[in-house]
N, C-alpha and C. Protein backbone atom coordinates (compact mmCIF):
# COMPACT_ATOMS: atom_id res chain seq x y z
N MET A 1 81.48 88.39 81.87
CA MET A 1 81.44 89.26 82.59
C MET A 1 79.72 89.40 83.09
N ASN A 2 78.93 89.77 83.98
CA ASN A 2 77.84 89.66 84.05
C ASN A 2 77.58 91.61 84.63
N PHE A 3 76.78 92.09 83.76
CA PHE A 3 76.46 93.31 84.44
C PHE A 3 75.03 93.40 84.94
N ILE A 4 74.87 94.35 85.71
CA ILE A 4 74.18 94.55 86.89
C ILE A 4 72.72 95.70 85.58
N GLU A 5 71.95 94.59 85.43
CA GLU A 5 71.14 95.38 84.39
C GLU A 5 69.70 96.42 85.13
N HIS A 6 69.70 96.43 86.11
CA HIS A 6 68.37 96.85 87.25
C HIS A 6 68.93 97.34 87.75
N ILE A 7 68.68 98.75 88.47
CA ILE A 7 69.66 99.71 89.31
C ILE A 7 68.31 100.04 90.10
N VAL A 8 68.81 100.15 91.34
CA VAL A 8 67.82 100.18 92.51
C VAL A 8 68.75 101.88 92.98
N GLU A 9 67.86 102.37 93.48
CA GLU A 9 68.33 104.26 93.91
C GLU A 9 68.07 104.00 95.02
N PRO A 10 69.08 104.20 96.09
CA PRO A 10 68.62 103.60 97.45
C PRO A 10 68.29 105.23 98.13
N SER A 11 67.75 104.68 99.24
CA SER A 11 66.73 106.32 99.85
C SER A 11 67.65 106.26 101.03
N ARG A 12 68.74 105.34 101.53
CA ARG A 12 69.64 105.59 102.52
C ARG A 12 70.71 104.58 102.08
N LEU A 13 71.83 104.64 102.97
CA LEU A 13 73.17 104.08 102.50
C LEU A 13 73.43 104.09 104.33
N LEU A 14 74.22 102.96 104.51
CA LEU A 14 74.69 102.73 105.61
C LEU A 14 76.62 102.90 105.74
N LEU A 15 76.79 103.74 106.47
CA LEU A 15 78.22 103.89 106.56
C LEU A 15 78.74 102.89 107.92
N THR A 16 80.10 102.02 107.16
CA THR A 16 80.03 100.51 108.22
C THR A 16 81.79 101.50 108.54
N TRP A 17 82.63 100.59 109.60
CA TRP A 17 83.58 100.89 109.55
C TRP A 17 84.15 99.52 110.39
N GLN A 18 85.43 99.29 110.21
CA GLN A 18 86.03 98.12 110.22
C GLN A 18 87.24 98.37 110.67
N SER A 19 87.78 98.16 111.88
CA SER A 19 89.42 97.93 112.47
C SER A 19 90.33 97.27 111.79
N SER A 20 91.79 97.71 111.60
CA SER A 20 93.08 97.58 110.88
C SER A 20 93.21 96.11 111.90
N ASP A 21 92.99 96.18 113.31
CA ASP A 21 93.59 95.21 114.07
C ASP A 21 93.36 93.74 113.21
N GLU A 22 94.41 92.69 112.79
CA GLU A 22 93.80 91.55 111.99
C GLU A 22 92.93 90.65 112.84
N LYS A 23 93.13 90.78 114.29
CA LYS A 23 92.38 90.04 115.07
C LYS A 23 91.24 90.35 115.57
N HIS A 24 90.43 91.64 114.90
CA HIS A 24 89.53 92.00 115.29
C HIS A 24 88.49 92.50 113.79
N ARG A 25 88.13 91.75 112.53
CA ARG A 25 87.61 92.25 111.38
C ARG A 25 86.25 92.50 111.39
N VAL A 26 85.53 92.59 112.58
CA VAL A 26 83.95 92.81 112.56
C VAL A 26 83.82 94.13 111.45
N ARG A 27 82.92 94.23 110.55
CA ARG A 27 82.24 95.29 110.02
C ARG A 27 81.21 96.37 110.88
N TYR A 28 81.21 97.48 111.43
CA TYR A 28 80.76 97.79 112.43
C TYR A 28 79.58 98.75 111.50
N VAL A 29 78.52 98.43 111.57
CA VAL A 29 77.26 100.03 111.11
C VAL A 29 77.54 101.22 112.05
N VAL A 30 78.29 102.32 111.43
CA VAL A 30 78.04 103.47 112.47
C VAL A 30 77.51 104.67 112.24
N ALA A 31 77.04 104.61 111.07
CA ALA A 31 76.26 105.10 110.82
C ALA A 31 75.01 106.00 109.58
N GLU A 32 74.65 106.43 109.51
CA GLU A 32 73.27 106.27 108.18
C GLU A 32 73.20 107.67 107.63
N LEU A 33 72.54 107.21 106.21
CA LEU A 33 73.07 108.39 105.13
C LEU A 33 71.19 108.63 104.87
N LYS A 34 70.47 109.36 104.82
CA LYS A 34 69.63 109.44 104.16
C LYS A 34 68.98 110.29 102.87
N ARG A 35 68.17 110.02 101.98
CA ARG A 35 68.12 111.02 100.92
C ARG A 35 66.47 111.18 101.12
N VAL A 36 66.55 112.30 101.26
CA VAL A 36 64.81 112.58 101.36
C VAL A 36 64.50 113.67 100.55
N ASN A 37 63.71 114.11 99.23
CA ASN A 37 63.71 115.33 98.18
C ASN A 37 64.67 115.90 97.77
N GLY A 38 65.98 114.25 97.38
CA GLY A 38 67.30 115.00 96.88
C GLY A 38 68.02 115.76 98.11
N GLU A 39 67.64 115.89 99.12
CA GLU A 39 68.27 115.98 100.50
C GLU A 39 69.13 115.19 101.11
N ILE A 40 70.14 115.00 101.35
CA ILE A 40 70.79 113.98 102.01
C ILE A 40 71.40 114.07 103.40
N SER A 41 70.99 113.52 104.40
CA SER A 41 71.64 113.98 106.15
C SER A 41 72.81 112.96 106.05
N LEU A 42 72.92 112.89 107.44
CA LEU A 42 73.77 112.00 107.60
C LEU A 42 73.97 112.01 109.49
N ARG A 43 74.09 111.20 110.10
CA ARG A 43 73.77 110.92 111.93
C ARG A 43 73.98 109.52 111.99
N TYR A 44 75.35 109.97 112.96
CA TYR A 44 75.66 108.28 113.66
C TYR A 44 74.76 107.83 114.45
N LEU A 45 74.54 106.74 114.54
CA LEU A 45 74.03 105.89 115.20
C LEU A 45 74.34 105.48 116.13
N THR A 46 74.68 105.96 117.22
CA THR A 46 74.82 106.15 118.56
C THR A 46 74.31 105.44 119.84
N ASN A 47 72.99 105.10 119.20
CA ASN A 47 71.91 104.33 120.49
C ASN A 47 72.64 102.74 119.72
N HIS A 48 73.04 102.99 118.82
CA HIS A 48 73.25 101.44 118.04
C HIS A 48 74.16 100.43 118.65
N PRO A 49 73.84 99.14 119.10
CA PRO A 49 75.23 98.64 119.59
C PRO A 49 76.33 98.59 119.05
N ASP A 50 76.24 98.51 117.77
CA ASP A 50 77.25 98.52 116.73
C ASP A 50 78.30 99.86 117.32
N PHE A 51 77.68 101.15 117.09
CA PHE A 51 78.28 102.39 117.40
C PHE A 51 79.30 101.63 118.74
N GLN A 52 78.78 101.56 119.84
CA GLN A 52 79.45 101.60 120.85
C GLN A 52 80.36 100.64 120.70
N SER A 53 80.14 98.97 120.39
CA SER A 53 81.23 98.34 120.13
C SER A 53 82.38 98.76 119.41
N ALA A 54 82.16 99.75 118.01
CA ALA A 54 83.06 100.32 117.24
C ALA A 54 83.99 100.56 118.09
N LYS A 55 82.94 101.91 119.24
CA LYS A 55 84.21 103.01 119.90
C LYS A 55 85.26 102.31 120.67
N LYS A 56 84.76 100.97 121.19
CA LYS A 56 85.38 99.92 122.02
C LYS A 56 86.95 99.46 121.39
N HIS A 57 86.81 99.36 119.96
CA HIS A 57 88.04 98.95 119.35
C HIS A 57 88.36 99.92 118.21
N GLY A 58 88.36 101.41 118.38
CA GLY A 58 89.16 102.29 118.04
C GLY A 58 88.75 103.28 117.29
N PHE A 59 87.09 103.28 116.89
CA PHE A 59 86.59 103.99 115.86
C PHE A 59 86.39 105.31 116.62
N LYS A 60 86.82 106.34 115.82
CA LYS A 60 87.10 107.90 116.00
C LYS A 60 86.13 108.68 115.40
N LEU A 61 85.18 108.13 114.57
CA LEU A 61 84.05 108.99 114.15
C LEU A 61 84.09 109.55 112.63
N TYR A 62 83.81 109.79 111.63
CA TYR A 62 84.76 110.23 109.88
C TYR A 62 85.26 111.58 110.30
N PRO A 63 86.63 111.65 110.26
CA PRO A 63 87.05 112.81 109.99
C PRO A 63 86.60 113.87 109.53
N ALA A 64 85.76 114.34 108.57
CA ALA A 64 84.72 115.61 108.34
C ALA A 64 83.62 115.53 108.98
N PHE A 65 83.19 114.94 109.74
CA PHE A 65 82.03 115.07 110.67
C PHE A 65 82.38 114.32 111.97
N ILE A 66 82.82 115.18 112.65
CA ILE A 66 83.46 114.76 114.44
C ILE A 66 82.56 115.04 115.58
N GLU A 67 80.99 115.49 114.80
CA GLU A 67 80.38 115.59 116.29
C GLU A 67 79.53 114.61 116.26
N GLU A 68 79.16 113.81 117.45
CA GLU A 68 78.52 112.68 117.53
C GLU A 68 77.54 112.66 117.05
N THR A 69 76.72 113.92 117.91
CA THR A 69 75.18 113.84 118.17
C THR A 69 74.52 114.81 117.12
N LYS A 70 75.61 115.61 116.44
CA LYS A 70 75.10 116.42 115.45
C LYS A 70 73.97 115.80 114.32
N VAL A 71 73.19 116.20 113.60
CA VAL A 71 72.74 115.41 112.06
C VAL A 71 72.96 116.59 111.76
N TYR A 72 73.89 115.95 110.05
CA TYR A 72 74.71 116.92 109.33
C TYR A 72 73.77 116.74 108.04
N ASP A 73 73.97 118.12 107.57
CA ASP A 73 73.25 117.79 106.42
C ASP A 73 73.73 118.99 105.25
N LEU A 74 75.20 119.01 105.55
CA LEU A 74 75.66 120.13 104.30
C LEU A 74 76.85 119.32 104.01
N GLY A 75 77.19 119.29 102.49
CA GLY A 75 78.80 118.84 101.99
C GLY A 75 79.28 117.59 102.41
N ILE A 76 78.01 116.95 102.73
CA ILE A 76 77.70 115.46 102.91
C ILE A 76 78.24 114.59 101.65
N LEU A 77 77.49 114.99 100.41
CA LEU A 77 77.93 114.22 99.16
C LEU A 77 79.42 114.56 98.50
N ASP A 78 79.69 115.65 98.65
CA ASP A 78 80.84 116.09 98.37
C ASP A 78 82.47 115.47 98.95
N THR A 79 81.95 115.45 100.22
CA THR A 79 83.05 114.81 101.10
C THR A 79 83.29 113.22 100.72
N PHE A 80 81.94 112.87 100.64
CA PHE A 80 82.24 111.10 99.91
C PHE A 80 82.47 110.86 98.65
N MET A 81 82.12 111.72 97.85
CA MET A 81 82.57 111.56 96.12
C MET A 81 83.97 111.58 96.22
N ARG A 82 84.89 111.97 96.87
CA ARG A 82 86.58 112.18 97.07
C ARG A 82 86.67 110.96 97.07
N ARG A 83 86.03 109.82 97.79
CA ARG A 83 87.06 108.48 98.04
C ARG A 83 86.45 107.90 96.74
N LEU A 84 86.07 108.46 95.74
CA LEU A 84 86.08 107.63 94.14
C LEU A 84 86.97 107.86 93.21
N PRO A 85 87.18 107.76 92.28
CA PRO A 85 87.46 108.04 91.14
C PRO A 85 86.74 109.26 90.24
N PRO A 86 87.76 110.40 90.15
CA PRO A 86 87.00 111.53 89.06
C PRO A 86 86.51 110.74 88.08
N LYS A 87 85.21 111.41 87.48
CA LYS A 87 84.34 110.75 86.47
C LYS A 87 85.36 110.58 85.02
N SER A 88 86.18 112.09 85.30
CA SER A 88 87.42 112.63 83.82
C SER A 88 88.04 111.54 83.43
N ARG A 89 88.46 110.90 84.75
CA ARG A 89 89.61 109.68 84.12
C ARG A 89 89.54 109.41 83.11
N GLY A 90 90.68 109.33 82.42
CA GLY A 90 90.55 107.90 81.17
C GLY A 90 90.25 106.36 81.13
N ASP A 91 90.14 106.30 82.30
CA ASP A 91 89.80 104.55 82.94
C ASP A 91 88.78 104.54 83.51
N TYR A 92 88.05 105.44 83.49
CA TYR A 92 86.56 105.16 84.35
C TYR A 92 85.52 104.59 83.78
N ILE A 93 85.49 104.06 82.54
CA ILE A 93 84.85 103.30 82.16
C ILE A 93 85.10 101.77 82.69
N GLN A 94 86.76 101.59 82.82
CA GLN A 94 87.00 100.72 83.46
C GLN A 94 86.36 100.18 84.79
N TYR A 95 86.40 101.14 85.48
CA TYR A 95 85.90 101.76 87.03
C TYR A 95 85.11 101.20 87.03
N LEU A 96 83.95 101.79 86.26
CA LEU A 96 82.25 101.07 86.32
C LEU A 96 82.29 99.77 85.70
N GLU A 97 83.07 99.02 84.62
CA GLU A 97 82.64 97.71 84.66
C GLU A 97 83.46 96.83 85.48
N GLY A 98 84.27 97.12 86.39
CA GLY A 98 84.62 96.57 87.48
C GLY A 98 83.68 96.59 88.69
N LEU A 99 83.12 97.21 89.11
CA LEU A 99 81.59 97.01 89.51
C LEU A 99 80.52 96.74 88.97
N ARG A 100 80.81 96.17 87.76
CA ARG A 100 79.61 95.31 86.59
C ARG A 100 78.63 96.59 86.43
N LEU A 101 78.86 97.72 86.46
CA LEU A 101 78.19 98.71 85.58
C LEU A 101 78.28 99.09 84.66
N LYS A 102 77.32 99.36 83.42
CA LYS A 102 77.27 99.95 82.23
C LYS A 102 78.15 101.30 81.62
N PRO A 103 78.43 101.49 80.61
CA PRO A 103 79.23 102.88 80.92
C PRO A 103 78.09 104.27 80.66
N ASP A 104 76.85 103.43 80.26
CA ASP A 104 75.57 104.53 80.12
C ASP A 104 74.78 104.41 81.37
N VAL A 105 75.12 103.78 82.28
CA VAL A 105 74.08 103.62 83.62
C VAL A 105 73.88 104.95 84.32
N GLN A 106 72.37 104.96 84.72
CA GLN A 106 72.01 106.24 85.02
C GLN A 106 71.72 105.99 86.06
N LEU A 107 72.52 106.49 86.58
CA LEU A 107 72.85 106.23 88.69
C LEU A 107 73.53 107.95 88.97
N SER A 108 72.96 107.73 89.80
CA SER A 108 72.92 109.28 91.40
C SER A 108 74.33 108.93 91.96
N ASP A 109 75.13 110.05 91.87
CA ASP A 109 76.09 109.99 92.89
C ASP A 109 76.17 109.46 94.02
N PHE A 110 74.76 109.48 94.47
CA PHE A 110 74.36 108.79 96.39
C PHE A 110 74.23 107.45 95.58
N GLY A 111 73.75 106.73 94.84
CA GLY A 111 73.55 105.10 94.57
C GLY A 111 75.24 104.98 94.38
N LEU A 112 75.61 105.81 93.00
CA LEU A 112 76.98 104.91 93.00
C LEU A 112 77.86 104.87 94.44
N LEU A 113 77.56 105.55 95.64
CA LEU A 113 78.61 105.32 96.87
C LEU A 113 78.10 104.06 97.60
N GLY A 114 76.80 104.02 96.85
CA GLY A 114 76.37 102.20 97.31
C GLY A 114 77.06 101.01 96.81
N TYR A 115 76.96 101.43 95.31
CA TYR A 115 77.21 100.25 94.24
C TYR A 115 78.62 100.10 94.47
N SER A 116 79.70 101.16 94.87
CA SER A 116 80.63 100.94 94.80
C SER A 116 81.38 100.59 96.01
N SER A 117 80.51 101.00 97.35
CA SER A 117 81.24 100.75 98.80
C SER A 117 82.04 102.14 99.11
N ALA A 118 83.16 102.45 98.32
CA ALA A 118 83.70 103.65 98.21
C ALA A 118 84.63 103.36 99.37
N LYS A 119 85.56 102.25 99.35
CA LYS A 119 86.41 101.84 100.49
C LYS A 119 87.51 102.03 99.79
N LEU A 120 88.36 102.44 100.76
CA LEU A 120 90.13 102.84 100.67
C LEU A 120 90.84 101.97 101.44
N PRO A 121 92.32 102.02 101.13
CA PRO A 121 93.03 101.00 101.82
C PRO A 121 93.34 102.09 102.86
N SER A 122 93.24 103.23 103.06
CA SER A 122 93.83 103.59 103.94
C SER A 122 92.64 104.05 105.41
N ASP A 123 91.74 103.61 105.39
CA ASP A 123 90.85 103.68 106.02
C ASP A 123 90.02 102.66 106.46
N GLY A 124 89.29 102.33 107.77
CA GLY A 124 88.42 101.22 107.73
C GLY A 124 86.53 101.34 107.26
N PHE A 125 86.57 102.60 106.81
CA PHE A 125 84.82 103.15 105.95
C PHE A 125 84.78 102.60 104.75
N SER A 126 83.86 102.05 104.55
CA SER A 126 82.90 101.80 103.30
C SER A 126 81.30 101.78 103.31
N PHE A 127 80.80 101.98 102.41
CA PHE A 127 79.14 102.17 102.26
C PHE A 127 78.59 100.77 101.85
N ILE A 128 77.37 100.74 102.67
CA ILE A 128 76.63 99.35 102.05
C ILE A 128 74.95 99.96 101.63
N HIS A 129 75.08 99.55 100.53
CA HIS A 129 73.66 99.62 100.01
C HIS A 129 72.38 98.90 100.44
N PRO A 130 71.50 99.00 101.46
CA PRO A 130 71.33 98.02 102.20
C PRO A 130 69.61 97.58 101.67
N PHE A 131 69.32 97.90 100.36
CA PHE A 131 68.16 97.58 99.64
C PHE A 131 66.88 97.21 100.30
N ASP A 132 66.37 98.20 100.70
CA ASP A 132 65.03 98.57 101.74
C ASP A 132 64.17 98.36 100.85
N ASN A 133 63.31 97.10 100.99
CA ASN A 133 61.58 97.15 100.70
C ASN A 133 61.89 97.26 99.22
N VAL A 134 62.71 96.67 98.56
CA VAL A 134 62.81 96.50 96.83
C VAL A 134 61.89 95.23 96.46
N ASP A 135 60.87 95.46 95.89
CA ASP A 135 59.83 94.65 95.25
C ASP A 135 60.52 93.68 94.14
N GLY A 136 60.86 94.70 93.04
CA GLY A 136 61.08 94.38 91.81
C GLY A 136 62.71 93.51 92.06
N SER A 137 62.89 93.27 90.39
CA SER A 137 64.16 91.91 90.33
C SER A 137 65.29 93.11 90.23
N PHE A 138 66.51 92.72 90.39
CA PHE A 138 67.28 93.89 90.50
C PHE A 138 68.83 92.72 90.81
N GLU A 139 69.91 93.38 90.55
CA GLU A 139 71.09 92.41 90.61
C GLU A 139 71.89 93.48 90.92
N PHE A 140 73.05 92.82 91.77
CA PHE A 140 74.10 93.42 92.35
C PHE A 140 75.39 92.55 92.97
N LEU A 141 76.61 93.45 93.14
CA LEU A 141 77.62 92.73 93.68
C LEU A 141 77.68 92.45 94.97
N LEU A 142 77.90 91.24 95.65
CA LEU A 142 77.93 91.36 97.05
C LEU A 142 79.25 90.57 97.45
N GLU A 143 80.32 91.36 98.19
CA GLU A 143 81.58 90.89 98.88
C GLU A 143 81.56 89.49 99.81
N VAL A 144 82.05 88.82 99.29
CA VAL A 144 82.40 87.69 100.58
C VAL A 144 83.30 88.24 101.65
N ALA A 145 82.47 88.12 103.15
CA ALA A 145 83.33 88.71 103.79
C ALA A 145 83.99 87.66 104.83
N GLY A 146 84.89 88.14 105.32
CA GLY A 146 86.21 86.71 105.55
C GLY A 146 86.67 86.05 105.18
N TYR A 147 86.54 86.21 103.61
CA TYR A 147 86.90 85.01 102.32
C TYR A 147 88.49 84.97 102.78
N SER A 148 89.58 85.95 103.00
CA SER A 148 90.21 85.42 102.90
C SER A 148 91.16 84.93 104.08
N TYR A 149 90.13 84.37 105.43
CA TYR A 149 89.82 83.51 106.36
C TYR A 149 89.48 82.30 106.36
N TYR A 150 89.42 82.19 105.17
CA TYR A 150 88.41 80.75 105.16
C TYR A 150 88.90 80.29 103.93
N VAL A 151 89.70 80.77 103.10
CA VAL A 151 90.50 80.17 101.94
C VAL A 151 91.94 80.49 101.99
N ALA A 152 92.75 79.26 101.96
CA ALA A 152 94.20 79.30 102.03
C ALA A 152 94.63 79.94 100.15
N PRO A 153 95.70 80.56 100.80
CA PRO A 153 96.42 81.41 99.36
C PRO A 153 96.43 80.41 98.47
N ASP A 154 96.48 79.16 98.66
CA ASP A 154 97.02 78.31 97.49
C ASP A 154 95.85 77.75 96.70
N GLU A 155 94.43 77.64 97.70
CA GLU A 155 93.33 77.73 97.11
C GLU A 155 92.99 78.45 95.95
N ASP A 156 91.60 77.64 94.93
CA ASP A 156 91.30 78.69 94.12
C ASP A 156 89.71 78.43 93.74
N VAL A 157 88.93 79.32 93.90
CA VAL A 157 87.59 79.33 93.83
C VAL A 157 87.61 79.61 92.11
N THR A 158 86.84 79.09 91.23
CA THR A 158 86.66 79.00 90.17
C THR A 158 85.16 80.37 89.84
N LEU A 159 85.88 81.14 89.15
CA LEU A 159 84.63 81.91 88.29
C LEU A 159 83.59 81.34 87.86
N GLY A 160 82.97 81.84 88.35
CA GLY A 160 81.38 81.41 87.58
C GLY A 160 80.78 80.39 88.57
N ALA A 161 81.21 79.58 89.85
CA ALA A 161 80.78 78.80 90.60
C ALA A 161 79.74 79.24 91.00
N GLU A 162 78.51 78.39 91.15
CA GLU A 162 77.39 78.61 91.99
C GLU A 162 78.01 78.97 93.19
N ALA A 163 77.34 79.79 94.08
CA ALA A 163 77.11 79.95 95.51
C ALA A 163 76.12 79.64 95.99
N THR A 164 76.09 78.93 97.40
CA THR A 164 74.70 78.33 98.41
C THR A 164 75.01 79.58 99.87
N PHE A 165 73.93 79.27 100.89
CA PHE A 165 73.81 80.26 101.62
C PHE A 165 73.05 79.28 102.76
N LYS A 166 73.47 79.45 103.79
CA LYS A 166 73.24 78.71 104.99
C LYS A 166 73.01 80.02 106.18
N ILE A 167 71.73 79.66 106.91
CA ILE A 167 71.46 80.41 108.18
C ILE A 167 71.68 79.54 109.19
N GLU A 168 72.36 80.30 110.22
CA GLU A 168 72.74 79.93 111.25
C GLU A 168 72.67 80.84 112.26
N LYS A 169 73.00 80.42 113.37
CA LYS A 169 72.14 80.89 114.88
C LYS A 169 73.35 80.96 115.11
N GLU A 170 73.96 82.03 115.56
CA GLU A 170 75.34 82.36 116.27
C GLU A 170 75.49 82.43 117.70
N LEU A 171 75.77 81.40 118.72
CA LEU A 171 75.27 81.37 120.30
C LEU A 171 76.02 82.52 120.95
N ASP A 172 77.30 82.59 120.84
CA ASP A 172 77.89 83.71 121.54
C ASP A 172 76.97 84.77 121.39
N ARG A 173 76.54 85.27 120.28
CA ARG A 173 76.04 86.92 120.02
C ARG A 173 74.08 86.62 120.43
N GLN A 174 73.82 85.07 120.01
CA GLN A 174 72.27 84.96 119.92
C GLN A 174 71.73 85.72 118.74
N GLU A 175 72.37 85.86 117.38
CA GLU A 175 71.92 86.47 116.57
C GLU A 175 72.51 85.64 115.36
N ASP A 176 71.88 85.44 114.10
CA ASP A 176 72.06 85.03 112.89
C ASP A 176 73.20 85.18 112.10
N VAL A 177 73.56 84.38 111.28
CA VAL A 177 74.89 84.53 110.38
C VAL A 177 74.37 84.30 109.17
N ILE A 178 74.96 84.28 108.18
CA ILE A 178 74.26 83.46 107.28
C ILE A 178 75.98 83.04 106.11
N LYS A 179 76.42 82.12 106.26
CA LYS A 179 77.17 81.11 105.65
C LYS A 179 77.72 81.18 103.91
N ILE A 180 78.70 81.47 103.53
CA ILE A 180 78.54 81.63 101.65
C ILE A 180 79.44 80.14 101.51
N TYR A 181 78.76 79.09 100.87
CA TYR A 181 79.82 78.07 100.81
C TYR A 181 79.86 78.13 98.83
N VAL A 182 81.04 77.68 98.29
CA VAL A 182 80.74 77.33 97.02
C VAL A 182 81.80 75.96 96.89
N SER A 183 81.21 75.22 96.28
CA SER A 183 81.43 73.78 95.88
C SER A 183 81.56 73.05 97.42
N ASN A 184 80.66 73.35 97.94
CA ASN A 184 80.30 72.87 99.42
C ASN A 184 81.66 72.94 100.16
N LYS A 185 82.20 74.23 100.04
CA LYS A 185 83.16 74.83 101.02
C LYS A 185 82.93 76.12 101.46
N GLN A 186 82.81 76.44 102.71
CA GLN A 186 82.53 78.01 103.38
C GLN A 186 83.55 78.77 102.95
N VAL A 187 83.57 79.54 102.33
CA VAL A 187 84.04 81.15 101.75
C VAL A 187 84.18 81.79 102.17
N GLY A 188 83.06 82.08 103.30
CA GLY A 188 82.66 83.07 103.90
C GLY A 188 81.46 83.15 104.42
N TYR A 189 81.37 84.40 104.55
CA TYR A 189 79.72 84.84 105.04
C TYR A 189 78.79 86.12 104.72
N VAL A 190 77.98 86.55 104.85
CA VAL A 190 77.17 87.90 104.24
C VAL A 190 77.59 88.71 105.25
N THR A 191 77.93 90.14 104.79
CA THR A 191 78.22 91.04 105.97
C THR A 191 76.64 91.39 106.90
N ARG A 192 77.21 91.66 107.81
CA ARG A 192 76.31 92.00 108.76
C ARG A 192 75.13 92.71 109.00
N ALA A 193 75.37 93.57 107.91
CA ALA A 193 74.73 94.70 107.42
C ALA A 193 73.52 94.60 106.68
N LEU A 194 73.92 93.28 105.99
CA LEU A 194 73.15 92.89 105.09
C LEU A 194 72.32 91.29 104.89
N ILE A 195 72.55 91.03 106.05
CA ILE A 195 71.94 89.84 106.72
C ILE A 195 70.62 89.59 106.87
N PRO A 196 70.02 90.74 107.44
CA PRO A 196 68.04 91.04 107.27
C PRO A 196 67.91 91.00 106.01
N ALA A 197 68.05 91.61 105.29
CA ALA A 197 67.70 91.62 103.53
C ALA A 197 68.17 90.36 102.86
N VAL A 198 69.28 89.60 102.89
CA VAL A 198 69.49 88.23 102.66
C VAL A 198 68.62 86.95 103.30
N LYS A 199 68.67 87.28 104.19
CA LYS A 199 67.59 85.84 104.65
C LYS A 199 66.06 86.34 104.41
N ASP A 200 65.92 87.74 104.14
CA ASP A 200 64.28 87.61 103.39
C ASP A 200 64.11 86.98 102.33
N TRP A 201 65.09 87.08 101.83
CA TRP A 201 64.91 86.68 100.33
C TRP A 201 65.46 85.28 99.91
N LEU A 202 66.10 84.70 101.03
CA LEU A 202 66.02 83.28 101.13
C LEU A 202 65.30 82.54 101.46
N ILE A 203 64.61 83.16 102.25
CA ILE A 203 63.09 82.64 103.01
C ILE A 203 62.35 82.78 101.54
N GLN A 204 62.37 83.92 100.89
CA GLN A 204 60.86 84.01 100.09
C GLN A 204 61.27 83.26 98.65
N GLY A 205 62.27 82.52 98.54
CA GLY A 205 62.74 82.47 97.50
C GLY A 205 63.50 82.74 96.03
N ARG A 206 63.82 84.44 96.32
CA ARG A 206 64.46 84.84 95.75
C ARG A 206 65.36 85.37 94.84
N ILE A 207 66.48 84.30 95.65
CA ILE A 207 67.60 84.33 94.79
C ILE A 207 67.65 83.61 93.69
N ASN A 208 67.44 83.88 92.84
CA ASN A 208 67.63 83.51 91.21
C ASN A 208 68.83 82.80 90.82
N ASN A 209 69.99 83.25 91.56
CA ASN A 209 71.07 83.24 90.97
C ASN A 209 71.93 84.11 91.38
N ALA A 210 72.96 82.77 91.90
CA ALA A 210 74.44 83.61 92.96
C ALA A 210 75.73 83.18 92.67
N ARG A 211 76.38 83.12 91.85
CA ARG A 211 77.89 83.28 91.14
C ARG A 211 79.06 83.49 91.94
N VAL A 212 80.16 83.06 91.72
CA VAL A 212 81.50 84.11 91.57
C VAL A 212 81.56 84.56 90.53
N GLU A 213 81.88 85.94 90.93
CA GLU A 213 81.80 86.67 89.84
C GLU A 213 83.07 87.55 89.42
N LYS A 214 83.90 87.93 90.90
CA LYS A 214 85.14 88.22 90.62
C LYS A 214 86.24 88.31 91.64
N LYS A 215 87.44 87.75 91.46
CA LYS A 215 88.39 87.96 92.80
C LYS A 215 89.33 88.65 92.24
N ASN A 216 89.94 89.91 93.25
CA ASN A 216 90.50 90.69 93.34
C ASN A 216 91.57 91.23 94.76
N GLY A 217 92.23 92.00 95.00
CA GLY A 217 92.94 92.21 96.11
C GLY A 217 94.62 91.60 96.17
N SER A 218 95.10 91.12 97.03
CA SER A 218 96.55 91.49 97.09
C SER A 218 96.27 89.63 97.53
N PRO A 219 97.94 89.00 97.35
CA PRO A 219 97.96 87.75 97.96
C PRO A 219 97.71 88.14 99.35
N ASN A 220 97.76 88.37 100.10
CA ASN A 220 97.79 88.19 101.39
C ASN A 220 96.46 89.00 101.96
N GLN A 221 95.81 89.52 101.27
CA GLN A 221 94.52 89.96 101.51
C GLN A 221 93.62 89.87 100.44
N PRO A 222 93.21 88.61 99.86
CA PRO A 222 92.18 88.42 98.62
C PRO A 222 90.70 89.28 99.14
N THR A 223 89.85 89.35 97.76
CA THR A 223 88.62 89.49 98.07
C THR A 223 87.65 88.41 97.20
N LEU A 224 86.40 88.47 97.10
CA LEU A 224 85.80 88.04 96.64
C LEU A 224 84.48 88.29 96.40
N TYR A 225 84.01 88.28 94.96
CA TYR A 225 82.96 89.17 94.79
C TYR A 225 81.66 88.05 94.13
N LEU A 226 80.50 87.96 94.35
CA LEU A 226 79.21 87.05 94.13
C LEU A 226 78.36 88.43 93.23
N TYR A 227 78.01 87.70 92.14
CA TYR A 227 76.72 88.44 91.14
C TYR A 227 75.58 87.94 91.54
N LEU A 228 74.73 88.53 92.18
CA LEU A 228 73.12 88.23 93.01
C LEU A 228 72.19 88.63 91.95
N SER A 229 71.47 87.67 91.36
CA SER A 229 70.09 87.82 90.84
C SER A 229 69.13 87.52 91.72
N ILE A 230 67.91 88.90 92.09
CA ILE A 230 67.27 88.72 92.77
C ILE A 230 65.77 88.86 92.25
N ALA A 231 65.29 87.92 92.58
CA ALA A 231 63.78 87.87 91.56
C ALA A 231 62.72 88.79 92.40
N GLU A 232 61.57 89.43 91.15
CA GLU A 232 60.70 90.06 92.12
C GLU A 232 59.78 89.45 93.02
N LYS A 233 59.13 90.20 94.00
CA LYS A 233 58.31 89.82 95.22
C LYS A 233 57.37 89.54 94.79
N LYS A 234 56.95 87.97 95.05
CA LYS A 234 55.54 87.34 94.44
C LYS A 234 54.66 87.70 95.51
C-alpha cells in the first residue's frame, strides 16, 4: 500500500456530473468551487461547453443549489461534506487508508472533498482536485476512466503493475485524450478534467511513477486506481 506523502491543499475544486445512461458515460465539469481566504464559493460554469452538453443529457443542477446563475457562498462545505462518512465512525481510519491518506493526515475538509472525490452511487456527482500550478512534488490516486469498458470481467490487472500514458487527438471533437495502458493493453483513459494537468506532467517528464494501486467496485462496474508520483518542477 502506497500512502500519499505530500498533500496539496486545493484553491479550487471541479464539480463533475455523469449520466446514469450506460450508453453515455462522459463526465462533465459543471461547476467550480473556489476557496479564497478561507471562504468558499460555488458557481455553475454555464458558459462552458461541458455544462451545455450535460444539460442535453439530463443534468438538472445539484439539488441544494438550484439557481443556475447565482454565485453561492453559504452552506457549501456543510452540504458537500454530507457525502463523506463522519469522522466519528469507528472505521474512519480504514476509510482514509482506502484513499491512501495516513490517519494523522493534515488536510482540510475542502481538501478531503478533492482527494476523496465524494462520489455516491445514488447520483452522478463527484469532485476533482485539478492540482493547479503545483511546482513541488506530490502524489495522488488517479481513477482510470472507462476501465469497465476496456477490461473484460474475467481479465485481471495486477496490483503494482506499471502504467503508461499516450496523448492522442480525438478526431471527432478535435481535442486531446490521454489513454492509459497496463502491460501494453489499454485499460482506460485520464478523465477529461485532468487532461491539461497530466499532459503538462508528461511533456515536462514529471511523472516519476504510475502504478496500479487498487481495484474495487462491483463485477459489473469495476474501478481501477493508479498511484501517481509527480516530481518537482524543474
